[in-house]
């Protein structure tokens, strides 16, 4: 239906509405130098030849050719519309041009579809790359967070170590004091034993001497 409408439009555009006329199909007519039958033939016109009508007299037309030649022809051998063969050839040419344009448009459409297909593939590829990049970024964020966690843990360990060191120093100090007290105790105990030993050494001989004195 679209092509039929196009053909009608092309046909309508090729019909001349002025005083232009055409020689009918399959004819050879004489253009004479006057409107009467005795006028001299000056040129032969063929089917499809176009001319301009200057005046009409009975069954004769005073015409002017595109090259400026003027003369007379019989009205019945002319038409205001292009001959069918000429119109058909013209329509065929226009149809061929339309067909060629249509083929070109189809080719461009196929190319556009291919480009859209490539763009769709590229889009999918970019989406996959974006998804992978997001996962990589998430993984890197977790990895980047670990040094901070390790630093925090290290600070906590340092604090605990300092606390343990302080407690260890305090414990060493207490152990030293206890050791000194123990040494003092042992020293006093040793001194007591020595004193006791000396005392016993002094007392026992006297006891023995008194016993002997009593026997005597």
N, C-alpha and C. Protein backbone atom coordinates (compact mmCIF):
# COMPACT_ATOMS: atom_id res chain seq x y z
N UNK A 1 0.84 -1.20 0.00
CA UNK A 1 0.00 0.00 0.00
C UNK A 1 0.88 1.26 0.00
N UNK A 2 1.97 1.20 0.72
CA UNK A 2 2.88 2.36 0.79
C UNK A 2 3.46 2.67 -0.58
N UNK A 3 3.86 1.61 -1.33
CA UNK A 3 4.45 1.81 -2.65
C UNK A 3 3.42 2.32 -3.65
N UNK A 4 2.16 1.87 -3.51
CA UNK A 4 1.10 2.34 -4.43
C UNK A 4 0.88 3.83 -4.25
N UNK A 5 0.81 4.26 -2.99
CA UNK A 5 0.65 5.70 -2.72
C UNK A 5 1.82 6.49 -3.27
N UNK A 6 3.02 5.94 -3.12
CA UNK A 6 4.20 6.61 -3.62
C UNK A 6 4.16 6.75 -5.13
N UNK A 7 3.70 5.69 -5.82
CA UNK A 7 3.61 5.74 -7.29
C UNK A 7 2.61 6.79 -7.74
N UNK A 8 1.46 6.87 -7.01
CA UNK A 8 0.46 7.89 -7.37
C UNK A 8 1.01 9.30 -7.18
N UNK A 9 1.77 9.50 -6.09
CA UNK A 9 2.37 10.82 -5.85
C UNK A 9 3.38 11.17 -6.92
N UNK A 10 4.19 10.19 -7.31
CA UNK A 10 5.18 10.44 -8.35
C UNK A 10 4.51 10.74 -9.69
N UNK A 11 3.42 9.99 -9.97
CA UNK A 11 2.69 10.23 -11.23
C UNK A 11 2.08 11.62 -11.23
N UNK A 12 1.50 12.02 -10.10
CA UNK A 12 0.87 13.34 -10.04
C UNK A 12 1.89 14.45 -10.18
N UNK A 13 3.11 14.22 -9.62
CA UNK A 13 4.14 15.25 -9.68
C UNK A 13 4.70 15.41 -11.09
N UNK A 14 4.58 14.35 -11.93
CA UNK A 14 5.15 14.42 -13.27
C UNK A 14 4.16 14.97 -14.31
N UNK A 15 2.89 15.16 -13.94
CA UNK A 15 1.90 15.71 -14.87
C UNK A 15 1.99 17.23 -14.85
N UNK A 16 2.17 17.83 -15.99
CA UNK A 16 2.31 19.29 -16.09
C UNK A 16 0.94 19.92 -16.27
N UNK A 17 0.65 20.92 -15.45
CA UNK A 17 -0.65 21.57 -15.48
C UNK A 17 -0.64 22.82 -16.37
N UNK A 18 0.50 23.18 -16.96
CA UNK A 18 0.55 24.37 -17.81
C UNK A 18 0.15 23.99 -19.24
N UNK A 19 0.55 24.81 -20.21
CA UNK A 19 0.22 24.58 -21.61
C UNK A 19 1.21 23.66 -22.29
N UNK A 20 1.88 22.86 -21.50
CA UNK A 20 2.83 21.91 -22.07
C UNK A 20 2.09 20.67 -22.51
N UNK A 21 2.45 20.14 -23.71
CA UNK A 21 1.82 18.92 -24.23
C UNK A 21 2.89 17.98 -24.77
N UNK A 22 2.45 16.73 -25.05
CA UNK A 22 3.35 15.68 -25.51
C UNK A 22 2.77 15.02 -26.75
N UNK A 23 3.66 14.48 -27.57
CA UNK A 23 3.23 13.68 -28.72
C UNK A 23 2.79 12.31 -28.20
N UNK A 24 1.67 11.83 -28.71
CA UNK A 24 1.11 10.57 -28.23
C UNK A 24 2.01 9.39 -28.53
N UNK A 25 1.64 8.22 -27.93
CA UNK A 25 2.43 7.00 -28.07
C UNK A 25 2.54 6.55 -29.52
N UNK A 26 3.76 6.07 -29.83
CA UNK A 26 4.03 5.40 -31.09
C UNK A 26 3.60 6.24 -32.32
N UNK A 27 3.95 7.52 -32.27
CA UNK A 27 3.58 8.39 -33.39
C UNK A 27 4.79 9.17 -33.89
N UNK A 28 4.73 9.45 -35.18
CA UNK A 28 5.63 10.41 -35.80
C UNK A 28 4.74 11.43 -36.48
N UNK A 29 4.84 12.68 -36.05
CA UNK A 29 3.98 13.72 -36.64
C UNK A 29 4.86 14.83 -37.21
N UNK A 30 4.28 15.52 -38.17
CA UNK A 30 5.00 16.62 -38.83
C UNK A 30 4.60 17.94 -38.21
N UNK A 31 5.60 18.76 -37.96
CA UNK A 31 5.35 20.12 -37.54
C UNK A 31 5.50 20.99 -38.77
N UNK A 32 4.42 21.71 -39.10
CA UNK A 32 4.41 22.53 -40.32
C UNK A 32 4.56 24.00 -39.98
N UNK A 33 4.82 24.76 -41.03
CA UNK A 33 5.03 26.20 -40.83
C UNK A 33 3.74 26.99 -40.85
N UNK A 34 2.57 26.28 -40.95
CA UNK A 34 1.28 26.96 -40.95
C UNK A 34 0.18 26.00 -40.56
N UNK A 35 -1.03 26.50 -40.24
CA UNK A 35 -2.13 25.66 -39.78
C UNK A 35 -2.88 24.96 -40.91
N UNK A 36 -2.66 25.30 -42.13
CA UNK A 36 -3.43 24.68 -43.22
C UNK A 36 -2.71 23.45 -43.74
N UNK A 37 -3.44 22.63 -44.47
CA UNK A 37 -2.89 21.37 -44.97
C UNK A 37 -1.78 21.58 -45.99
N UNK A 38 -1.76 22.70 -46.66
CA UNK A 38 -0.75 22.97 -47.67
C UNK A 38 0.56 23.51 -47.06
N UNK A 39 0.57 23.70 -45.74
CA UNK A 39 1.77 24.26 -45.09
C UNK A 39 2.93 23.28 -45.22
N UNK A 40 4.16 23.87 -45.23
CA UNK A 40 5.38 23.08 -45.41
C UNK A 40 5.79 22.42 -44.09
N UNK A 41 6.16 21.13 -44.15
CA UNK A 41 6.67 20.40 -42.98
C UNK A 41 8.10 20.88 -42.68
N UNK A 42 8.31 21.26 -41.45
CA UNK A 42 9.64 21.77 -41.09
C UNK A 42 10.39 20.84 -40.11
N UNK A 43 9.64 19.93 -39.45
CA UNK A 43 10.30 19.04 -38.49
C UNK A 43 9.40 17.87 -38.15
N UNK A 44 9.99 16.73 -37.83
CA UNK A 44 9.23 15.55 -37.42
C UNK A 44 9.37 15.38 -35.90
N UNK A 45 8.22 15.20 -35.25
CA UNK A 45 8.22 15.01 -33.79
C UNK A 45 7.91 13.55 -33.46
N UNK A 46 8.52 13.05 -32.42
CA UNK A 46 8.35 11.66 -32.01
C UNK A 46 7.58 11.57 -30.69
N UNK A 47 7.16 10.36 -30.40
CA UNK A 47 6.44 10.09 -29.15
C UNK A 47 7.26 10.58 -27.96
N UNK A 48 6.60 11.35 -27.10
CA UNK A 48 7.25 11.84 -25.90
C UNK A 48 7.88 13.20 -26.05
N UNK A 49 8.01 13.71 -27.29
CA UNK A 49 8.55 15.06 -27.46
C UNK A 49 7.62 16.06 -26.78
N UNK A 50 8.19 17.03 -26.11
CA UNK A 50 7.41 18.00 -25.37
C UNK A 50 7.53 19.36 -26.05
N UNK A 51 6.47 20.13 -25.95
CA UNK A 51 6.46 21.47 -26.55
C UNK A 51 5.49 22.35 -25.78
N UNK A 52 5.58 23.63 -26.04
CA UNK A 52 4.72 24.61 -25.40
C UNK A 52 3.68 25.10 -26.41
N UNK A 53 2.43 25.17 -25.94
CA UNK A 53 1.34 25.63 -26.82
C UNK A 53 1.27 27.15 -26.75
N UNK A 54 1.38 27.76 -27.93
CA UNK A 54 1.29 29.22 -28.00
C UNK A 54 -0.16 29.68 -28.27
N UNK A 55 -0.85 28.92 -29.13
CA UNK A 55 -2.26 29.23 -29.42
C UNK A 55 -2.93 28.00 -30.05
N UNK A 56 -4.24 27.99 -30.02
CA UNK A 56 -5.00 26.87 -30.60
C UNK A 56 -5.99 27.45 -31.62
N UNK A 57 -6.01 26.83 -32.80
CA UNK A 57 -6.89 27.30 -33.89
C UNK A 57 -7.54 26.10 -34.54
N UNK A 58 -8.86 25.96 -34.30
CA UNK A 58 -9.62 24.79 -34.78
C UNK A 58 -8.95 23.51 -34.25
N UNK A 59 -8.50 22.66 -35.18
CA UNK A 59 -7.86 21.41 -34.76
C UNK A 59 -6.34 21.50 -34.84
N UNK A 60 -5.82 22.72 -34.90
CA UNK A 60 -4.38 22.94 -35.00
C UNK A 60 -3.85 23.67 -33.75
N UNK A 61 -2.59 23.34 -33.39
CA UNK A 61 -1.93 24.00 -32.27
C UNK A 61 -0.68 24.69 -32.76
N UNK A 62 -0.56 25.97 -32.40
CA UNK A 62 0.67 26.69 -32.66
C UNK A 62 1.60 26.40 -31.48
N UNK A 63 2.76 25.75 -31.76
CA UNK A 63 3.62 25.28 -30.68
C UNK A 63 5.02 25.86 -30.78
N UNK A 64 5.74 25.70 -29.65
CA UNK A 64 7.14 26.14 -29.59
C UNK A 64 7.95 25.04 -28.91
N UNK A 65 9.00 24.58 -29.61
CA UNK A 65 9.85 23.52 -29.07
C UNK A 65 10.86 24.09 -28.07
N UNK A 66 11.46 23.23 -27.25
CA UNK A 66 12.44 23.71 -26.28
C UNK A 66 13.60 24.44 -26.93
N UNK A 67 13.93 24.13 -28.21
CA UNK A 67 15.05 24.83 -28.87
C UNK A 67 14.62 26.15 -29.50
N UNK A 68 13.33 26.53 -29.30
CA UNK A 68 12.84 27.81 -29.82
C UNK A 68 12.13 27.72 -31.17
N UNK A 69 12.16 26.53 -31.82
CA UNK A 69 11.49 26.38 -33.12
C UNK A 69 9.98 26.44 -32.94
N UNK A 70 9.30 27.18 -33.82
CA UNK A 70 7.85 27.30 -33.76
C UNK A 70 7.23 26.65 -34.99
N UNK A 71 5.98 26.14 -34.79
CA UNK A 71 5.28 25.51 -35.90
C UNK A 71 3.88 25.10 -35.48
N UNK A 72 3.22 24.28 -36.44
CA UNK A 72 1.85 23.88 -36.18
C UNK A 72 1.75 22.36 -36.26
N UNK A 73 0.89 21.80 -35.32
CA UNK A 73 0.64 20.35 -35.32
C UNK A 73 -0.84 20.12 -35.11
N UNK A 74 -1.31 18.90 -35.45
CA UNK A 74 -2.71 18.55 -35.25
C UNK A 74 -2.96 18.28 -33.77
N UNK A 75 -4.06 18.84 -33.24
CA UNK A 75 -4.38 18.72 -31.81
C UNK A 75 -4.60 17.27 -31.41
N UNK A 76 -5.22 16.48 -32.27
CA UNK A 76 -5.59 15.12 -31.89
C UNK A 76 -4.38 14.19 -31.68
N UNK A 77 -3.21 14.63 -32.18
CA UNK A 77 -2.01 13.81 -32.00
C UNK A 77 -1.21 14.20 -30.73
N UNK A 78 -1.80 15.07 -29.93
CA UNK A 78 -1.08 15.53 -28.73
C UNK A 78 -1.89 15.23 -27.47
N UNK A 79 -1.22 15.35 -26.35
CA UNK A 79 -1.88 15.11 -25.05
C UNK A 79 -1.26 16.00 -24.01
N UNK A 80 -2.07 16.40 -23.03
CA UNK A 80 -1.55 17.22 -21.93
C UNK A 80 -0.81 16.38 -20.88
N UNK A 81 -0.97 15.07 -21.01
CA UNK A 81 -0.28 14.17 -20.07
C UNK A 81 0.83 13.43 -20.79
N UNK A 82 1.89 13.08 -20.09
CA UNK A 82 2.95 12.30 -20.74
C UNK A 82 2.40 10.98 -21.24
N UNK A 83 2.90 10.46 -22.33
CA UNK A 83 2.45 9.16 -22.81
C UNK A 83 2.70 8.07 -21.79
N UNK A 84 1.89 7.00 -21.89
CA UNK A 84 1.98 5.93 -20.89
C UNK A 84 3.37 5.31 -20.83
N UNK A 85 3.97 5.10 -22.01
CA UNK A 85 5.30 4.48 -22.02
C UNK A 85 6.33 5.37 -21.34
N UNK A 86 6.19 6.67 -21.58
CA UNK A 86 7.11 7.62 -20.96
C UNK A 86 6.88 7.70 -19.45
N UNK A 87 5.58 7.76 -19.07
CA UNK A 87 5.26 7.81 -17.64
C UNK A 87 5.71 6.54 -16.94
N UNK A 88 5.52 5.41 -17.65
CA UNK A 88 5.92 4.14 -17.06
C UNK A 88 7.44 4.08 -16.86
N UNK A 89 8.18 4.52 -17.88
CA UNK A 89 9.63 4.52 -17.76
C UNK A 89 10.09 5.45 -16.64
N UNK A 90 9.42 6.61 -16.57
CA UNK A 90 9.77 7.56 -15.51
C UNK A 90 9.46 6.97 -14.14
N UNK A 91 8.27 6.34 -14.05
CA UNK A 91 7.90 5.72 -12.78
C UNK A 91 8.85 4.57 -12.44
N UNK A 92 9.27 3.84 -13.49
CA UNK A 92 10.19 2.73 -13.24
C UNK A 92 11.52 3.25 -12.69
N UNK A 93 11.99 4.34 -13.27
CA UNK A 93 13.23 4.93 -12.78
C UNK A 93 13.09 5.40 -11.33
N UNK A 94 11.94 6.06 -11.10
CA UNK A 94 11.72 6.54 -9.73
C UNK A 94 11.55 5.36 -8.76
N UNK A 95 10.87 4.32 -9.25
CA UNK A 95 10.70 3.13 -8.40
C UNK A 95 12.05 2.47 -8.12
N UNK A 96 12.90 2.43 -9.16
CA UNK A 96 14.23 1.86 -8.97
C UNK A 96 15.03 2.66 -7.94
N UNK A 97 14.87 4.00 -8.02
CA UNK A 97 15.57 4.84 -7.05
C UNK A 97 15.05 4.59 -5.63
N UNK A 98 13.71 4.45 -5.55
CA UNK A 98 13.11 4.16 -4.25
C UNK A 98 13.59 2.81 -3.72
N UNK A 99 13.64 1.82 -4.65
CA UNK A 99 14.11 0.49 -4.25
C UNK A 99 15.57 0.54 -3.78
N UNK A 100 16.38 1.29 -4.52
CA UNK A 100 17.78 1.43 -4.14
C UNK A 100 17.91 2.10 -2.77
N UNK A 101 17.08 3.15 -2.58
CA UNK A 101 17.10 3.84 -1.28
C UNK A 101 16.64 2.90 -0.17
N UNK A 102 15.60 2.08 -0.51
CA UNK A 102 15.09 1.13 0.47
C UNK A 102 16.16 0.08 0.83
N UNK A 103 16.88 -0.39 -0.19
CA UNK A 103 17.96 -1.35 0.04
C UNK A 103 19.04 -0.73 0.90
N UNK A 104 19.37 0.53 0.61
CA UNK A 104 20.38 1.23 1.39
C UNK A 104 19.93 1.39 2.84
N UNK A 105 18.63 1.72 3.01
CA UNK A 105 18.10 1.87 4.36
C UNK A 105 18.14 0.54 5.11
N UNK A 106 17.81 -0.55 4.39
CA UNK A 106 17.87 -1.87 5.03
C UNK A 106 19.30 -2.20 5.45
N UNK A 107 20.25 -1.84 4.56
CA UNK A 107 21.65 -2.08 4.89
C UNK A 107 22.06 -1.28 6.11
N UNK A 108 21.64 0.00 6.14
CA UNK A 108 21.96 0.83 7.30
C UNK A 108 21.30 0.30 8.56
N UNK A 109 20.04 -0.19 8.42
CA UNK A 109 19.33 -0.75 9.56
C UNK A 109 20.06 -1.99 10.09
N UNK A 110 20.51 -2.86 9.16
CA UNK A 110 21.26 -4.04 9.58
C UNK A 110 22.55 -3.64 10.28
N UNK A 111 23.22 -2.60 9.75
CA UNK A 111 24.45 -2.13 10.37
C UNK A 111 24.17 -1.58 11.77
N UNK A 112 23.06 -0.82 11.90
CA UNK A 112 22.69 -0.27 13.19
C UNK A 112 22.39 -1.39 14.18
N UNK A 113 21.68 -2.45 13.69
CA UNK A 113 21.39 -3.59 14.56
C UNK A 113 22.69 -4.26 15.03
N UNK A 114 23.64 -4.40 14.09
CA UNK A 114 24.93 -4.98 14.47
C UNK A 114 25.63 -4.12 15.51
N UNK A 115 25.58 -2.79 15.29
CA UNK A 115 26.22 -1.88 16.24
C UNK A 115 25.54 -1.95 17.60
N UNK A 116 24.18 -2.07 17.57
CA UNK A 116 23.46 -2.20 18.83
C UNK A 116 23.84 -3.50 19.53
N UNK A 117 24.00 -4.58 18.72
CA UNK A 117 24.44 -5.84 19.30
C UNK A 117 25.81 -5.72 19.94
N UNK A 118 26.72 -5.04 19.23
CA UNK A 118 28.07 -4.84 19.80
C UNK A 118 28.00 -3.99 21.06
N UNK A 119 27.14 -2.95 21.01
CA UNK A 119 27.00 -2.09 22.19
C UNK A 119 26.41 -2.87 23.36
N UNK A 120 25.46 -3.78 23.06
CA UNK A 120 24.88 -4.59 24.12
C UNK A 120 25.93 -5.51 24.74
N UNK A 121 26.77 -6.11 23.86
CA UNK A 121 27.85 -6.96 24.37
C UNK A 121 28.82 -6.14 25.23
N UNK A 122 29.16 -4.95 24.72
CA UNK A 122 30.06 -4.07 25.48
C UNK A 122 29.45 -3.69 26.82
N UNK A 123 28.13 -3.41 26.81
CA UNK A 123 27.43 -3.05 28.04
C UNK A 123 27.49 -4.20 29.05
N UNK A 124 27.22 -5.42 28.56
CA UNK A 124 27.28 -6.58 29.45
C UNK A 124 28.70 -6.78 30.00
N UNK A 125 29.69 -6.59 29.11
CA UNK A 125 31.08 -6.74 29.54
C UNK A 125 31.44 -5.70 30.59
N UNK A 126 30.99 -4.46 30.38
CA UNK A 126 31.26 -3.39 31.34
C UNK A 126 30.56 -3.66 32.66
N UNK A 127 29.35 -4.23 32.59
CA UNK A 127 28.63 -4.56 33.81
C UNK A 127 29.38 -5.63 34.60
N UNK A 128 29.90 -6.65 33.86
CA UNK A 128 30.68 -7.69 34.53
C UNK A 128 31.95 -7.10 35.16
N UNK A 129 32.62 -6.23 34.39
CA UNK A 129 33.83 -5.60 34.92
C UNK A 129 33.51 -4.73 36.13
N UNK A 130 32.36 -4.02 36.08
CA UNK A 130 31.96 -3.19 37.20
C UNK A 130 31.68 -4.03 38.44
N UNK A 131 31.00 -5.19 38.22
CA UNK A 131 30.71 -6.09 39.34
C UNK A 131 31.99 -6.62 39.94
N UNK A 132 32.94 -7.03 39.07
CA UNK A 132 34.23 -7.54 39.55
C UNK A 132 34.98 -6.45 40.31
N UNK A 133 34.95 -5.22 39.75
CA UNK A 133 35.64 -4.11 40.41
C UNK A 133 35.03 -3.83 41.78
N UNK A 134 33.70 -3.95 41.88
CA UNK A 134 33.04 -3.73 43.17
C UNK A 134 33.48 -4.78 44.19
N UNK A 135 33.55 -6.04 43.72
CA UNK A 135 33.99 -7.10 44.62
C UNK A 135 35.45 -6.89 45.04
N UNK A 136 36.29 -6.51 44.06
CA UNK A 136 37.70 -6.25 44.37
C UNK A 136 37.83 -5.10 45.37
N UNK A 137 37.00 -4.06 45.16
CA UNK A 137 37.04 -2.90 46.07
C UNK A 137 36.62 -3.31 47.47
N UNK A 138 35.59 -4.16 47.55
CA UNK A 138 35.14 -4.62 48.86
C UNK A 138 36.23 -5.44 49.54
N UNK A 139 36.89 -6.33 48.74
CA UNK A 139 37.96 -7.15 49.30
C UNK A 139 39.13 -6.26 49.77
N UNK A 140 39.50 -5.27 48.92
CA UNK A 140 40.59 -4.37 49.28
C UNK A 140 40.25 -3.54 50.52
N UNK A 141 38.97 -3.18 50.63
CA UNK A 141 38.55 -2.41 51.81
C UNK A 141 38.73 -3.24 53.08
N UNK A 142 38.38 -4.54 52.95
CA UNK A 142 38.57 -5.42 54.11
C UNK A 142 40.05 -5.57 54.43
N UNK A 143 40.87 -5.74 53.37
CA UNK A 143 42.31 -5.87 53.57
C UNK A 143 42.89 -4.59 54.17
N UNK A 144 42.41 -3.45 53.67
CA UNK A 144 42.90 -2.17 54.17
C UNK A 144 42.50 -1.96 55.62
N UNK A 145 41.36 -2.57 56.02
CA UNK A 145 40.91 -2.40 57.40
C UNK A 145 41.75 -3.23 58.36
N UNK A 146 42.39 -4.31 57.86
CA UNK A 146 43.18 -5.18 58.73
C UNK A 146 44.37 -4.47 59.38
N UNK A 147 45.15 -3.67 58.63
CA UNK A 147 46.25 -2.94 59.29
C UNK A 147 45.77 -2.07 60.44
N UNK A 148 44.59 -1.48 60.28
CA UNK A 148 44.06 -0.66 61.37
C UNK A 148 43.73 -1.54 62.57
N UNK A 149 43.12 -2.72 62.27
CA UNK A 149 42.81 -3.64 63.36
C UNK A 149 44.10 -4.13 64.03
N UNK A 150 45.09 -4.46 63.17
CA UNK A 150 46.37 -4.92 63.72
C UNK A 150 47.05 -3.84 64.54
N UNK A 151 46.98 -2.60 64.08
CA UNK A 151 47.58 -1.49 64.82
C UNK A 151 46.89 -1.32 66.16
N UNK A 152 45.56 -1.42 66.15
CA UNK A 152 44.81 -1.30 67.39
C UNK A 152 45.17 -2.44 68.35
N UNK A 153 45.24 -3.68 67.78
CA UNK A 153 45.62 -4.83 68.61
C UNK A 153 47.04 -4.68 69.15
N UNK A 154 47.94 -4.16 68.29
CA UNK A 154 49.32 -3.93 68.72
C UNK A 154 49.39 -2.94 69.87
N UNK A 155 48.59 -1.87 69.78
CA UNK A 155 48.55 -0.88 70.85
C UNK A 155 48.02 -1.50 72.14
N UNK A 156 46.99 -2.35 71.99
CA UNK A 156 46.46 -3.02 73.17
C UNK A 156 47.51 -3.95 73.79
N UNK A 157 48.25 -4.68 72.93
CA UNK A 157 49.29 -5.57 73.43
C UNK A 157 50.41 -4.79 74.11
N UNK A 158 50.76 -3.65 73.50
CA UNK A 158 51.78 -2.81 74.12
C UNK A 158 51.34 -2.34 75.49
N UNK A 159 50.06 -1.93 75.57
CA UNK A 159 49.52 -1.48 76.86
C UNK A 159 49.53 -2.61 77.89
N UNK A 160 49.10 -3.80 77.43
CA UNK A 160 49.10 -4.96 78.33
C UNK A 160 50.52 -5.32 78.76
N UNK A 161 51.46 -5.24 77.81
CA UNK A 161 52.86 -5.55 78.14
C UNK A 161 53.41 -4.57 79.15
N UNK A 162 53.10 -3.29 78.95
CA UNK A 162 53.55 -2.29 79.91
C UNK A 162 52.95 -2.55 81.29
N UNK A 163 51.67 -2.94 81.28
CA UNK A 163 51.01 -3.23 82.56
C UNK A 163 51.66 -4.44 83.23
N UNK A 164 51.90 -5.52 82.41
CA UNK A 164 52.54 -6.72 82.95
C UNK A 164 53.96 -6.42 83.43
N UNK A 165 54.68 -5.58 82.67
CA UNK A 165 56.03 -5.19 83.08
C UNK A 165 56.01 -4.47 84.42
N UNK A 166 55.03 -3.56 84.56
CA UNK A 166 54.89 -2.82 85.82
C UNK A 166 54.56 -3.77 86.96
N UNK A 167 53.63 -4.70 86.68
CA UNK A 167 53.27 -5.66 87.72
C UNK A 167 54.46 -6.57 88.05
N UNK A 168 55.22 -6.94 87.01
CA UNK A 168 56.40 -7.78 87.22
C UNK A 168 57.45 -7.07 88.07
N UNK A 169 57.65 -5.77 87.78
CA UNK A 169 58.61 -4.99 88.57
C UNK A 169 58.15 -4.89 90.02
N UNK A 170 56.82 -4.68 90.17
CA UNK A 170 56.29 -4.60 91.53
C UNK A 170 56.46 -5.93 92.25
N UNK A 171 56.18 -7.03 91.49
CA UNK A 171 56.34 -8.35 92.09
C UNK A 171 57.80 -8.61 92.46
N UNK A 172 58.72 -8.23 91.56
CA UNK A 172 60.15 -8.38 91.87
C UNK A 172 60.52 -7.61 93.13
N UNK A 173 59.96 -6.40 93.22
CA UNK A 173 60.25 -5.58 94.40
C UNK A 173 59.74 -6.25 95.66
N UNK A 174 58.51 -6.78 95.59
CA UNK A 174 57.94 -7.47 96.75
C UNK A 174 58.75 -8.72 97.09
N UNK A 175 59.17 -9.46 96.01
CA UNK A 175 59.98 -10.66 96.23
C UNK A 175 61.30 -10.27 96.89
N UNK A 176 61.90 -9.15 96.46
CA UNK A 176 63.15 -8.68 97.06
C UNK A 176 62.98 -8.36 98.53
N UNK A 177 61.85 -7.70 98.83
CA UNK A 177 61.60 -7.35 100.23
C UNK A 177 61.39 -8.60 101.07
N UNK A 178 60.61 -9.55 100.50
CA UNK A 178 60.39 -10.80 101.22
C UNK A 178 61.71 -11.54 101.42
N UNK A 179 62.54 -11.53 100.35
CA UNK A 179 63.83 -12.21 100.44
C UNK A 179 64.70 -11.57 101.51
N UNK A 180 64.69 -10.22 101.54
CA UNK A 180 65.46 -9.53 102.58
C UNK A 180 64.95 -9.87 103.98
N UNK A 181 63.62 -9.91 104.11
CA UNK A 181 63.04 -10.27 105.40
C UNK A 181 63.44 -11.68 105.79
N UNK A 182 63.41 -12.59 104.74
CA UNK A 182 63.80 -13.98 105.02
C UNK A 182 65.26 -14.05 105.42
N UNK A 183 66.09 -13.28 104.70
CA UNK A 183 67.52 -13.27 105.05
C UNK A 183 67.74 -12.75 106.46
N UNK A 184 66.98 -11.69 106.77
CA UNK A 184 67.08 -11.17 108.13
C UNK A 184 66.68 -12.23 109.16
N UNK A 185 65.58 -12.97 108.80
CA UNK A 185 65.10 -14.01 109.73
C UNK A 185 66.14 -15.10 109.93
N UNK A 186 66.71 -15.51 108.79
CA UNK A 186 67.74 -16.55 108.89
C UNK A 186 68.97 -16.02 109.65
N UNK A 187 69.27 -14.78 109.36
CA UNK A 187 70.42 -14.20 110.08
C UNK A 187 70.16 -14.17 111.57
N UNK A 188 68.97 -13.72 111.95
CA UNK A 188 68.63 -13.64 113.37
C UNK A 188 68.59 -15.03 113.99
N UNK A 189 68.03 -16.00 113.16
CA UNK A 189 67.97 -17.37 113.68
C UNK A 189 69.37 -17.93 113.87
N UNK A 190 70.24 -17.66 112.88
CA UNK A 190 71.63 -18.13 112.98
C UNK A 190 72.35 -17.50 114.17
N UNK A 191 72.10 -16.21 114.31
CA UNK A 191 72.72 -15.52 115.45
C UNK A 191 72.21 -16.07 116.77
N UNK A 192 70.92 -16.37 116.79
CA UNK A 192 70.33 -16.93 118.01
C UNK A 192 70.94 -18.28 118.33
N UNK A 193 71.12 -19.08 117.28
CA UNK A 193 71.72 -20.41 117.49
C UNK A 193 73.14 -20.27 118.01
N UNK A 194 73.87 -19.33 117.43
CA UNK A 194 75.26 -19.11 117.87
C UNK A 194 75.29 -18.68 119.34
N UNK A 195 74.41 -17.72 119.63
CA UNK A 195 74.35 -17.22 121.02
C UNK A 195 73.97 -18.34 121.98
N UNK A 196 72.95 -19.12 121.51
CA UNK A 196 72.49 -20.23 122.34
C UNK A 196 73.61 -21.24 122.55
N UNK A 197 74.33 -21.48 121.41
CA UNK A 197 75.44 -22.43 121.51
C UNK A 197 76.51 -21.94 122.48
N UNK A 198 76.82 -20.64 122.41
CA UNK A 198 77.80 -20.07 123.31
C UNK A 198 77.32 -20.15 124.75
N UNK A 199 76.03 -19.86 124.89
CA UNK A 199 75.48 -19.90 126.25
C UNK A 199 75.55 -21.30 126.81
N UNK A 200 75.17 -22.29 125.99
CA UNK A 200 75.22 -23.68 126.45
C UNK A 200 76.67 -24.07 126.75
N UNK A 201 77.58 -23.60 125.85
CA UNK A 201 78.99 -23.92 126.05
C UNK A 201 79.51 -23.34 127.36
N UNK A 202 79.02 -22.23 127.77
CA UNK A 202 79.46 -21.61 129.01
C UNK A 202 78.78 -22.24 130.22
N UNK A 203 77.55 -22.60 130.10
CA UNK A 203 76.78 -23.09 131.25
C UNK A 203 77.11 -24.54 131.58
N UNK A 204 77.20 -25.38 130.57
CA UNK A 204 77.41 -26.82 130.82
C UNK A 204 78.70 -27.09 131.58
N UNK A 205 79.84 -26.47 131.27
CA UNK A 205 81.04 -26.72 132.05
C UNK A 205 80.85 -26.35 133.52
N UNK A 206 80.15 -25.28 133.80
CA UNK A 206 79.91 -24.86 135.18
C UNK A 206 79.05 -25.88 135.91
N UNK A 207 78.06 -26.40 135.22
CA UNK A 207 77.19 -27.41 135.86
C UNK A 207 78.02 -28.64 136.21
N UNK A 208 78.87 -29.04 135.32
CA UNK A 208 79.70 -30.20 135.59
C UNK A 208 80.67 -29.91 136.77
N UNK A 209 81.19 -28.76 136.81
CA UNK A 209 82.13 -28.43 137.89
C UNK A 209 81.45 -28.43 139.24
N UNK A 210 80.21 -27.90 139.31
CA UNK A 210 79.46 -27.88 140.54
C UNK A 210 79.14 -29.32 140.99
N UNK A 211 78.78 -30.18 140.06
CA UNK A 211 78.49 -31.55 140.42
C UNK A 211 79.74 -32.24 141.01
N UNK A 212 80.85 -31.99 140.40
CA UNK A 212 82.07 -32.58 140.93
C UNK A 212 82.39 -32.02 142.30
N UNK A 213 82.16 -30.76 142.51
CA UNK A 213 82.45 -30.13 143.80
C UNK A 213 81.59 -30.73 144.88
N UNK A 214 80.35 -31.07 144.50
CA UNK A 214 79.45 -31.65 145.48
C UNK A 214 79.84 -33.06 145.84
N UNK A 215 80.45 -33.78 144.97
CA UNK A 215 80.91 -35.13 145.26
C UNK A 215 82.10 -35.11 146.21
N UNK A 216 82.86 -34.08 146.05
CA UNK A 216 84.02 -34.00 146.92
C UNK A 216 83.63 -33.52 148.29
